[in-house]
Full PDB file with SEQRES, HELIX, SHEET, SSBOND, CRYST1, ORIGX, SCALE, CONECT and MASTER records, all heavy atoms in Angstrom:
SEQRES   1 A   32  LYS LEU THR ASN GLU ALA LYS LEU ILE SER ASP GLN ALA          
SEQRES   2 A   32  GLU ARG THR LYS LEU TYR VAL GLN ALA GLN GLU VAL PHE          
SEQRES   3 A   32  LYS GLN GLU ALA PRO TRP                                      
HELIX    1 AA1 LEU A    2  LYS A    7  1                                   6    
HELIX    2 AA2 GLN A   12  GLU A   29  1                                  18    
CRYST1    1.000    1.000    1.000  90.00  90.00  90.00 P 1           1          
ORIGX1      1.000000  0.000000  0.000000        0.00000                         
ORIGX2      0.000000  1.000000  0.000000        0.00000                         
ORIGX3      0.000000  0.000000  1.000000        0.00000                         
SCALE1      1.000000  0.000000  0.000000        0.00000                         
SCALE2      0.000000  1.000000  0.000000        0.00000                         
SCALE3      0.000000  0.000000  1.000000        0.00000                         
ATOM      1  N   LYS A   1       0.788  -1.202   0.086  1.00  0.00           N  
ATOM      2  CA  LYS A   1       0.027   0.040  -0.056  1.00  0.00           C  
ATOM      3  C   LYS A   1       0.829   1.229   0.011  1.00  0.00           C  
ATOM      4  O   LYS A   1       0.655   2.189  -0.678  1.00  0.00           O  
ATOM      5  CB  LYS A   1      -0.926  -0.011   1.194  1.00  0.00           C  
ATOM      6  CG  LYS A   1      -1.864   1.185   1.280  1.00  0.00           C  
ATOM      7  CD  LYS A   1      -2.804   0.979   2.428  1.00  0.00           C  
ATOM      8  CE  LYS A   1      -3.796   2.183   2.537  1.00  0.00           C  
ATOM      9  NZ  LYS A   1      -3.147   3.426   2.926  1.00  0.00           N  
ATOM     10  N   LEU A   2       1.907   1.241   0.813  1.00  0.00           N  
ATOM     11  CA  LEU A   2       2.827   2.420   0.876  1.00  0.00           C  
ATOM     12  C   LEU A   2       3.591   2.634  -0.402  1.00  0.00           C  
ATOM     13  O   LEU A   2       3.595   3.791  -0.907  1.00  0.00           O  
ATOM     14  CB  LEU A   2       3.758   2.215   2.027  1.00  0.00           C  
ATOM     15  CG  LEU A   2       3.225   2.246   3.410  1.00  0.00           C  
ATOM     16  CD1 LEU A   2       4.210   1.709   4.460  1.00  0.00           C  
ATOM     17  CD2 LEU A   2       2.837   3.760   3.807  1.00  0.00           C  
ATOM     18  N   THR A   3       4.162   1.634  -0.992  1.00  0.00           N  
ATOM     19  CA  THR A   3       4.949   1.802  -2.204  1.00  0.00           C  
ATOM     20  C   THR A   3       4.047   2.122  -3.413  1.00  0.00           C  
ATOM     21  O   THR A   3       4.422   2.938  -4.315  1.00  0.00           O  
ATOM     22  CB  THR A   3       5.752   0.558  -2.479  1.00  0.00           C  
ATOM     23  OG1 THR A   3       4.913  -0.640  -2.584  1.00  0.00           O  
ATOM     24  CG2 THR A   3       6.820   0.289  -1.416  1.00  0.00           C  
ATOM     25  N   ASN A   4       2.838   1.594  -3.425  1.00  0.00           N  
ATOM     26  CA  ASN A   4       1.869   1.906  -4.480  1.00  0.00           C  
ATOM     27  C   ASN A   4       1.423   3.249  -4.462  1.00  0.00           C  
ATOM     28  O   ASN A   4       1.322   3.993  -5.486  1.00  0.00           O  
ATOM     29  CB  ASN A   4       0.665   0.929  -4.531  1.00  0.00           C  
ATOM     30  CG  ASN A   4       1.070  -0.502  -4.989  1.00  0.00           C  
ATOM     31  OD1 ASN A   4       1.987  -0.622  -5.877  1.00  0.00           O  
ATOM     32  ND2 ASN A   4       0.327  -1.470  -4.571  1.00  0.00           N  
ATOM     33  N   GLU A   5       1.182   3.767  -3.247  1.00  0.00           N  
ATOM     34  CA  GLU A   5       0.786   5.115  -3.067  1.00  0.00           C  
ATOM     35  C   GLU A   5       1.906   6.136  -3.480  1.00  0.00           C  
ATOM     36  O   GLU A   5       1.593   7.216  -4.092  1.00  0.00           O  
ATOM     37  CB  GLU A   5       0.347   5.439  -1.577  1.00  0.00           C  
ATOM     38  CG  GLU A   5      -0.265   6.803  -1.382  1.00  0.00           C  
ATOM     39  CD  GLU A   5      -0.698   7.020   0.099  1.00  0.00           C  
ATOM     40  OE1 GLU A   5      -0.912   6.016   0.776  1.00  0.00           O  
ATOM     41  OE2 GLU A   5      -0.808   8.168   0.462  1.00  0.00           O  
ATOM     42  N   ALA A   6       3.145   5.758  -3.198  1.00  0.00           N  
ATOM     43  CA  ALA A   6       4.290   6.635  -3.525  1.00  0.00           C  
ATOM     44  C   ALA A   6       4.394   6.811  -4.962  1.00  0.00           C  
ATOM     45  O   ALA A   6       4.828   7.835  -5.496  1.00  0.00           O  
ATOM     46  CB  ALA A   6       5.508   6.072  -2.925  1.00  0.00           C  
ATOM     47  N   LYS A   7       4.037   5.806  -5.762  1.00  0.00           N  
ATOM     48  CA  LYS A   7       4.152   5.856  -7.236  1.00  0.00           C  
ATOM     49  C   LYS A   7       3.193   6.870  -7.851  1.00  0.00           C  
ATOM     50  O   LYS A   7       3.333   7.377  -9.017  1.00  0.00           O  
ATOM     51  CB  LYS A   7       3.973   4.541  -7.881  1.00  0.00           C  
ATOM     52  CG  LYS A   7       5.201   3.616  -7.636  1.00  0.00           C  
ATOM     53  CD  LYS A   7       5.156   2.359  -8.535  1.00  0.00           C  
ATOM     54  CE  LYS A   7       4.191   1.388  -8.016  1.00  0.00           C  
ATOM     55  NZ  LYS A   7       4.294   0.052  -8.771  1.00  0.00           N  
ATOM     56  N   LEU A   8       2.120   7.156  -7.110  1.00  0.00           N  
ATOM     57  CA  LEU A   8       1.089   8.075  -7.605  1.00  0.00           C  
ATOM     58  C   LEU A   8       1.404   9.549  -7.414  1.00  0.00           C  
ATOM     59  O   LEU A   8       0.735  10.410  -8.043  1.00  0.00           O  
ATOM     60  CB  LEU A   8      -0.282   7.780  -7.000  1.00  0.00           C  
ATOM     61  CG  LEU A   8      -0.895   6.336  -7.127  1.00  0.00           C  
ATOM     62  CD1 LEU A   8      -2.115   6.199  -6.313  1.00  0.00           C  
ATOM     63  CD2 LEU A   8      -1.094   6.045  -8.569  1.00  0.00           C  
ATOM     64  N   ILE A   9       2.407   9.786  -6.656  1.00  0.00           N  
ATOM     65  CA  ILE A   9       2.781  11.237  -6.235  1.00  0.00           C  
ATOM     66  C   ILE A   9       4.057  11.656  -6.915  1.00  0.00           C  
ATOM     67  O   ILE A   9       4.982  10.885  -7.073  1.00  0.00           O  
ATOM     68  CB  ILE A   9       2.965  11.199  -4.726  1.00  0.00           C  
ATOM     69  CG1 ILE A   9       1.652  10.758  -4.006  1.00  0.00           C  
ATOM     70  CG2 ILE A   9       3.307  12.650  -4.255  1.00  0.00           C  
ATOM     71  CD1 ILE A   9       1.865  10.488  -2.497  1.00  0.00           C  
ATOM     72  N   SER A  10       3.998  12.839  -7.427  1.00  0.00           N  
ATOM     73  CA  SER A  10       5.212  13.383  -8.070  1.00  0.00           C  
ATOM     74  C   SER A  10       6.089  14.161  -7.086  1.00  0.00           C  
ATOM     75  O   SER A  10       7.264  14.270  -7.308  1.00  0.00           O  
ATOM     76  CB  SER A  10       4.804  14.349  -9.220  1.00  0.00           C  
ATOM     77  OG  SER A  10       3.986  15.332  -8.764  1.00  0.00           O  
ATOM     78  N   ASP A  11       5.586  14.625  -5.951  1.00  0.00           N  
ATOM     79  CA  ASP A  11       6.404  15.390  -5.044  1.00  0.00           C  
ATOM     80  C   ASP A  11       7.341  14.500  -4.317  1.00  0.00           C  
ATOM     81  O   ASP A  11       6.915  13.522  -3.567  1.00  0.00           O  
ATOM     82  CB  ASP A  11       5.459  16.122  -3.996  1.00  0.00           C  
ATOM     83  CG  ASP A  11       6.202  16.935  -3.108  1.00  0.00           C  
ATOM     84  OD1 ASP A  11       6.520  18.120  -3.424  1.00  0.00           O  
ATOM     85  OD2 ASP A  11       6.511  16.552  -1.931  1.00  0.00           O  
ATOM     86  N   GLN A  12       8.683  14.693  -4.476  1.00  0.00           N  
ATOM     87  CA  GLN A  12       9.648  13.845  -3.872  1.00  0.00           C  
ATOM     88  C   GLN A  12       9.562  13.750  -2.304  1.00  0.00           C  
ATOM     89  O   GLN A  12       9.808  12.753  -1.758  1.00  0.00           O  
ATOM     90  CB  GLN A  12      11.012  14.263  -4.345  1.00  0.00           C  
ATOM     91  CG  GLN A  12      12.123  13.096  -4.066  1.00  0.00           C  
ATOM     92  CD  GLN A  12      13.435  13.462  -4.677  1.00  0.00           C  
ATOM     93  OE1 GLN A  12      14.452  13.803  -3.984  1.00  0.00           O  
ATOM     94  NE2 GLN A  12      13.562  13.213  -5.968  1.00  0.00           N  
ATOM     95  N   ALA A  13       9.365  14.874  -1.740  1.00  0.00           N  
ATOM     96  CA  ALA A  13       9.290  14.936  -0.246  1.00  0.00           C  
ATOM     97  C   ALA A  13       8.148  14.042   0.318  1.00  0.00           C  
ATOM     98  O   ALA A  13       8.290  13.350   1.306  1.00  0.00           O  
ATOM     99  CB  ALA A  13       9.103  16.341   0.295  1.00  0.00           C  
ATOM    100  N   GLU A  14       6.996  14.134  -0.393  1.00  0.00           N  
ATOM    101  CA  GLU A  14       5.905  13.320  -0.002  1.00  0.00           C  
ATOM    102  C   GLU A  14       6.146  11.792  -0.208  1.00  0.00           C  
ATOM    103  O   GLU A  14       5.806  10.954   0.582  1.00  0.00           O  
ATOM    104  CB  GLU A  14       4.672  13.745  -0.710  1.00  0.00           C  
ATOM    105  CG  GLU A  14       4.122  15.130  -0.224  1.00  0.00           C  
ATOM    106  CD  GLU A  14       3.821  15.232   1.227  1.00  0.00           C  
ATOM    107  OE1 GLU A  14       3.117  14.252   1.707  1.00  0.00           O  
ATOM    108  OE2 GLU A  14       4.265  16.200   1.924  1.00  0.00           O  
ATOM    109  N   ARG A  15       6.749  11.531  -1.337  1.00  0.00           N  
ATOM    110  CA  ARG A  15       7.168  10.180  -1.683  1.00  0.00           C  
ATOM    111  C   ARG A  15       8.146   9.592  -0.594  1.00  0.00           C  
ATOM    112  O   ARG A  15       8.077   8.487  -0.236  1.00  0.00           O  
ATOM    113  CB  ARG A  15       7.763  10.011  -3.053  1.00  0.00           C  
ATOM    114  CG  ARG A  15       6.805  10.345  -4.225  1.00  0.00           C  
ATOM    115  CD  ARG A  15       7.510  10.114  -5.556  1.00  0.00           C  
ATOM    116  NE  ARG A  15       7.630   8.760  -5.857  1.00  0.00           N  
ATOM    117  CZ  ARG A  15       8.580   8.292  -6.767  1.00  0.00           C  
ATOM    118  NH1 ARG A  15       9.450   9.069  -7.426  1.00  0.00           N  
ATOM    119  NH2 ARG A  15       8.684   6.981  -7.011  1.00  0.00           N  
ATOM    120  N   THR A  16       9.128  10.481  -0.212  1.00  0.00           N  
ATOM    121  CA  THR A  16      10.095  10.027   0.745  1.00  0.00           C  
ATOM    122  C   THR A  16       9.423   9.575   2.047  1.00  0.00           C  
ATOM    123  O   THR A  16       9.832   8.591   2.704  1.00  0.00           O  
ATOM    124  CB  THR A  16      11.060  11.233   1.023  1.00  0.00           C  
ATOM    125  OG1 THR A  16      11.786  11.458  -0.125  1.00  0.00           O  
ATOM    126  CG2 THR A  16      12.007  10.890   2.199  1.00  0.00           C  
ATOM    127  N   LYS A  17       8.371  10.311   2.533  1.00  0.00           N  
ATOM    128  CA  LYS A  17       7.714   9.952   3.804  1.00  0.00           C  
ATOM    129  C   LYS A  17       7.171   8.531   3.648  1.00  0.00           C  
ATOM    130  O   LYS A  17       7.250   7.715   4.612  1.00  0.00           O  
ATOM    131  CB  LYS A  17       6.626  10.934   4.017  1.00  0.00           C  
ATOM    132  CG  LYS A  17       7.112  12.346   4.447  1.00  0.00           C  
ATOM    133  CD  LYS A  17       5.909  13.292   4.625  1.00  0.00           C  
ATOM    134  CE  LYS A  17       6.371  14.690   4.840  1.00  0.00           C  
ATOM    135  NZ  LYS A  17       5.208  15.673   5.021  1.00  0.00           N  
ATOM    136  N   LEU A  18       6.545   8.269   2.502  1.00  0.00           N  
ATOM    137  CA  LEU A  18       5.975   6.856   2.298  1.00  0.00           C  
ATOM    138  C   LEU A  18       7.015   5.820   2.218  1.00  0.00           C  
ATOM    139  O   LEU A  18       6.855   4.678   2.776  1.00  0.00           O  
ATOM    140  CB  LEU A  18       5.104   6.919   1.088  1.00  0.00           C  
ATOM    141  CG  LEU A  18       3.837   7.784   1.111  1.00  0.00           C  
ATOM    142  CD1 LEU A  18       3.213   8.051  -0.193  1.00  0.00           C  
ATOM    143  CD2 LEU A  18       2.835   7.193   2.123  1.00  0.00           C  
ATOM    144  N   TYR A  19       8.126   6.126   1.648  1.00  0.00           N  
ATOM    145  CA  TYR A  19       9.210   5.138   1.346  1.00  0.00           C  
ATOM    146  C   TYR A  19       9.914   4.879   2.728  1.00  0.00           C  
ATOM    147  O   TYR A  19      10.330   3.757   3.043  1.00  0.00           O  
ATOM    148  CB  TYR A  19      10.264   5.532   0.338  1.00  0.00           C  
ATOM    149  CG  TYR A  19       9.618   5.451  -1.024  1.00  0.00           C  
ATOM    150  CD1 TYR A  19       9.929   6.375  -2.035  1.00  0.00           C  
ATOM    151  CD2 TYR A  19       8.963   4.313  -1.440  1.00  0.00           C  
ATOM    152  CE1 TYR A  19       9.398   6.238  -3.351  1.00  0.00           C  
ATOM    153  CE2 TYR A  19       8.455   4.150  -2.756  1.00  0.00           C  
ATOM    154  CZ  TYR A  19       8.736   5.118  -3.691  1.00  0.00           C  
ATOM    155  OH  TYR A  19       8.265   4.956  -4.985  1.00  0.00           O  
ATOM    156  N   VAL A  20       9.994   5.900   3.554  1.00  0.00           N  
ATOM    157  CA  VAL A  20      10.546   5.591   4.888  1.00  0.00           C  
ATOM    158  C   VAL A  20       9.698   4.731   5.706  1.00  0.00           C  
ATOM    159  O   VAL A  20      10.158   3.817   6.412  1.00  0.00           O  
ATOM    160  CB  VAL A  20      10.731   7.041   5.619  1.00  0.00           C  
ATOM    161  CG1 VAL A  20      11.002   6.824   7.077  1.00  0.00           C  
ATOM    162  CG2 VAL A  20      11.885   7.843   5.020  1.00  0.00           C  
ATOM    163  N   GLN A  21       8.372   4.907   5.613  1.00  0.00           N  
ATOM    164  CA  GLN A  21       7.459   4.021   6.290  1.00  0.00           C  
ATOM    165  C   GLN A  21       7.533   2.592   5.744  1.00  0.00           C  
ATOM    166  O   GLN A  21       7.557   1.632   6.563  1.00  0.00           O  
ATOM    167  CB  GLN A  21       6.058   4.516   6.213  1.00  0.00           C  
ATOM    168  CG  GLN A  21       5.719   5.785   6.873  1.00  0.00           C  
ATOM    169  CD  GLN A  21       4.275   6.212   6.650  1.00  0.00           C  
ATOM    170  OE1 GLN A  21       3.352   5.523   6.924  1.00  0.00           O  
ATOM    171  NE2 GLN A  21       4.200   7.489   6.091  1.00  0.00           N  
ATOM    172  N   ALA A  22       7.769   2.481   4.500  1.00  0.00           N  
ATOM    173  CA  ALA A  22       7.945   1.156   3.880  1.00  0.00           C  
ATOM    174  C   ALA A  22       9.196   0.459   4.300  1.00  0.00           C  
ATOM    175  O   ALA A  22       9.228  -0.760   4.581  1.00  0.00           O  
ATOM    176  CB  ALA A  22       7.924   1.285   2.325  1.00  0.00           C  
ATOM    177  N   GLN A  23      10.264   1.209   4.598  1.00  0.00           N  
ATOM    178  CA  GLN A  23      11.454   0.635   5.090  1.00  0.00           C  
ATOM    179  C   GLN A  23      11.331   0.211   6.507  1.00  0.00           C  
ATOM    180  O   GLN A  23      11.990  -0.807   6.923  1.00  0.00           O  
ATOM    181  CB  GLN A  23      12.604   1.647   4.928  1.00  0.00           C  
ATOM    182  CG  GLN A  23      13.172   1.976   3.589  1.00  0.00           C  
ATOM    183  CD  GLN A  23      14.062   3.103   3.345  1.00  0.00           C  
ATOM    184  OE1 GLN A  23      15.179   3.036   3.694  1.00  0.00           O  
ATOM    185  NE2 GLN A  23      13.437   4.296   2.925  1.00  0.00           N  
ATOM    186  N   GLU A  24      10.484   0.844   7.231  1.00  0.00           N  
ATOM    187  CA  GLU A  24      10.185   0.448   8.563  1.00  0.00           C  
ATOM    188  C   GLU A  24       9.489  -0.866   8.676  1.00  0.00           C  
ATOM    189  O   GLU A  24       9.752  -1.749   9.464  1.00  0.00           O  
ATOM    190  CB  GLU A  24       9.379   1.528   9.392  1.00  0.00           C  
ATOM    191  CG  GLU A  24      10.155   2.832   9.609  1.00  0.00           C  
ATOM    192  CD  GLU A  24       9.281   3.993  10.101  1.00  0.00           C  
ATOM    193  OE1 GLU A  24       8.026   3.808  10.081  1.00  0.00           O  
ATOM    194  OE2 GLU A  24       9.874   5.016  10.404  1.00  0.00           O  
ATOM    195  N   VAL A  25       8.528  -0.980   7.779  1.00  0.00           N  
ATOM    196  CA  VAL A  25       7.755  -2.303   7.673  1.00  0.00           C  
ATOM    197  C   VAL A  25       8.739  -3.388   7.355  1.00  0.00           C  
ATOM    198  O   VAL A  25       8.753  -4.496   7.888  1.00  0.00           O  
ATOM    199  CB  VAL A  25       6.618  -2.231   6.685  1.00  0.00           C  
ATOM    200  CG1 VAL A  25       6.033  -3.524   6.398  1.00  0.00           C  
ATOM    201  CG2 VAL A  25       5.608  -1.167   7.086  1.00  0.00           C  
ATOM    202  N   PHE A  26       9.579  -3.200   6.319  1.00  0.00           N  
ATOM    203  CA  PHE A  26      10.564  -4.123   5.922  1.00  0.00           C  
ATOM    204  C   PHE A  26      11.416  -4.595   7.028  1.00  0.00           C  
ATOM    205  O   PHE A  26      11.675  -5.745   7.209  1.00  0.00           O  
ATOM    206  CB  PHE A  26      11.455  -3.563   4.752  1.00  0.00           C  
ATOM    207  CG  PHE A  26      12.655  -4.356   4.385  1.00  0.00           C  
ATOM    208  CD1 PHE A  26      12.587  -5.397   3.520  1.00  0.00           C  
ATOM    209  CD2 PHE A  26      13.834  -4.150   5.073  1.00  0.00           C  
ATOM    210  CE1 PHE A  26      13.760  -6.117   3.221  1.00  0.00           C  
ATOM    211  CE2 PHE A  26      15.010  -4.836   4.739  1.00  0.00           C  
ATOM    212  CZ  PHE A  26      14.920  -5.894   3.838  1.00  0.00           C  
ATOM    213  N   LYS A  27      11.889  -3.610   7.812  1.00  0.00           N  
ATOM    214  CA  LYS A  27      12.841  -4.012   8.932  1.00  0.00           C  
ATOM    215  C   LYS A  27      12.125  -4.809  10.057  1.00  0.00           C  
ATOM    216  O   LYS A  27      12.743  -5.665  10.544  1.00  0.00           O  
ATOM    217  CB  LYS A  27      13.453  -2.706   9.503  1.00  0.00           C  
ATOM    218  CG  LYS A  27      14.801  -2.915  10.229  1.00  0.00           C  
ATOM    219  CD  LYS A  27      15.818  -3.423   9.252  1.00  0.00           C  
ATOM    220  CE  LYS A  27      17.099  -3.703   9.859  1.00  0.00           C  
ATOM    221  NZ  LYS A  27      18.085  -4.317   8.948  1.00  0.00           N  
ATOM    222  N   GLN A  28      10.855  -4.506  10.252  1.00  0.00           N  
ATOM    223  CA  GLN A  28      10.105  -5.259  11.250  1.00  0.00           C  
ATOM    224  C   GLN A  28       9.925  -6.671  10.822  1.00  0.00           C  
ATOM    225  O   GLN A  28       9.831  -7.597  11.648  1.00  0.00           O  
ATOM    226  CB  GLN A  28       8.788  -4.467  11.516  1.00  0.00           C  
ATOM    227  CG  GLN A  28       8.866  -3.200  12.171  1.00  0.00           C  
ATOM    228  CD  GLN A  28       7.566  -2.357  11.996  1.00  0.00           C  
ATOM    229  OE1 GLN A  28       6.618  -2.807  11.551  1.00  0.00           O  
ATOM    230  NE2 GLN A  28       7.618  -1.071  12.405  1.00  0.00           N  
ATOM    231  N   GLU A  29       9.603  -6.799   9.527  1.00  0.00           N  
ATOM    232  CA  GLU A  29       9.263  -8.134   9.045  1.00  0.00           C  
ATOM    233  C   GLU A  29      10.392  -8.931   8.517  1.00  0.00           C  
ATOM    234  O   GLU A  29      10.304 -10.203   8.516  1.00  0.00           O  
ATOM    235  CB  GLU A  29       8.242  -7.908   7.833  1.00  0.00           C  
ATOM    236  CG  GLU A  29       6.929  -7.320   8.263  1.00  0.00           C  
ATOM    237  CD  GLU A  29       6.214  -8.220   9.223  1.00  0.00           C  
ATOM    238  OE1 GLU A  29       6.101  -9.405   9.099  1.00  0.00           O  
ATOM    239  OE2 GLU A  29       5.593  -7.637  10.278  1.00  0.00           O  
ATOM    240  N   ALA A  30      11.531  -8.389   8.256  1.00  0.00           N  
ATOM    241  CA  ALA A  30      12.785  -9.066   7.827  1.00  0.00           C  
ATOM    242  C   ALA A  30      12.684 -10.183   6.822  1.00  0.00           C  
ATOM    243  O   ALA A  30      13.085 -11.319   7.057  1.00  0.00           O  
ATOM    244  CB  ALA A  30      13.387  -9.658   9.209  1.00  0.00           C  
ATOM    245  N   PRO A  31      12.191  -9.890   5.663  1.00  0.00           N  
ATOM    246  CA  PRO A  31      12.119 -10.892   4.607  1.00  0.00           C  
ATOM    247  C   PRO A  31      13.538 -11.242   4.089  1.00  0.00           C  
ATOM    248  O   PRO A  31      13.803 -12.277   3.545  1.00  0.00           O  
ATOM    249  CB  PRO A  31      11.286 -10.328   3.488  1.00  0.00           C  
ATOM    250  CG  PRO A  31      11.429  -8.841   3.746  1.00  0.00           C  
ATOM    251  CD  PRO A  31      11.498  -8.672   5.146  1.00  0.00           C  
ATOM    252  N   TRP A  32      14.464 -10.286   4.272  1.00  0.00           N  
ATOM    253  CA  TRP A  32      15.881 -10.506   3.948  1.00  0.00           C  
ATOM    254  C   TRP A  32      16.695 -10.255   5.185  1.00  0.00           C  
ATOM    255  O   TRP A  32      16.440  -9.559   6.161  1.00  0.00           O  
ATOM    256  CB  TRP A  32      16.356  -9.312   2.989  1.00  0.00           C  
ATOM    257  CG  TRP A  32      15.756  -9.255   1.691  1.00  0.00           C  
ATOM    258  CD1 TRP A  32      14.957 -10.115   1.022  1.00  0.00           C  
ATOM    259  CD2 TRP A  32      16.029  -8.173   0.825  1.00  0.00           C  
ATOM    260  NE1 TRP A  32      14.639  -9.553  -0.244  1.00  0.00           N  
ATOM    261  CE2 TRP A  32      15.337  -8.401  -0.399  1.00  0.00           C  
ATOM    262  CE3 TRP A  32      16.851  -6.966   0.857  1.00  0.00           C  
ATOM    263  CZ2 TRP A  32      15.270  -7.470  -1.494  1.00  0.00           C  
ATOM    264  CZ3 TRP A  32      16.895  -6.133  -0.148  1.00  0.00           C  
ATOM    265  CH2 TRP A  32      16.125  -6.356  -1.359  1.00  0.00           C  
TER     266      TRP A  32                                                      
MASTER        0    0    0    2    0    0    0    6  265    1    0    3          
END                                                                             
């Protein structure tokens, strides 16, 4: 949901906020 929403937005600052949240989810879940 976070990464798909980020693709819809052209403003880099707003996209950054969503990608930071996505990285937090990644770190919590640890698929890698």
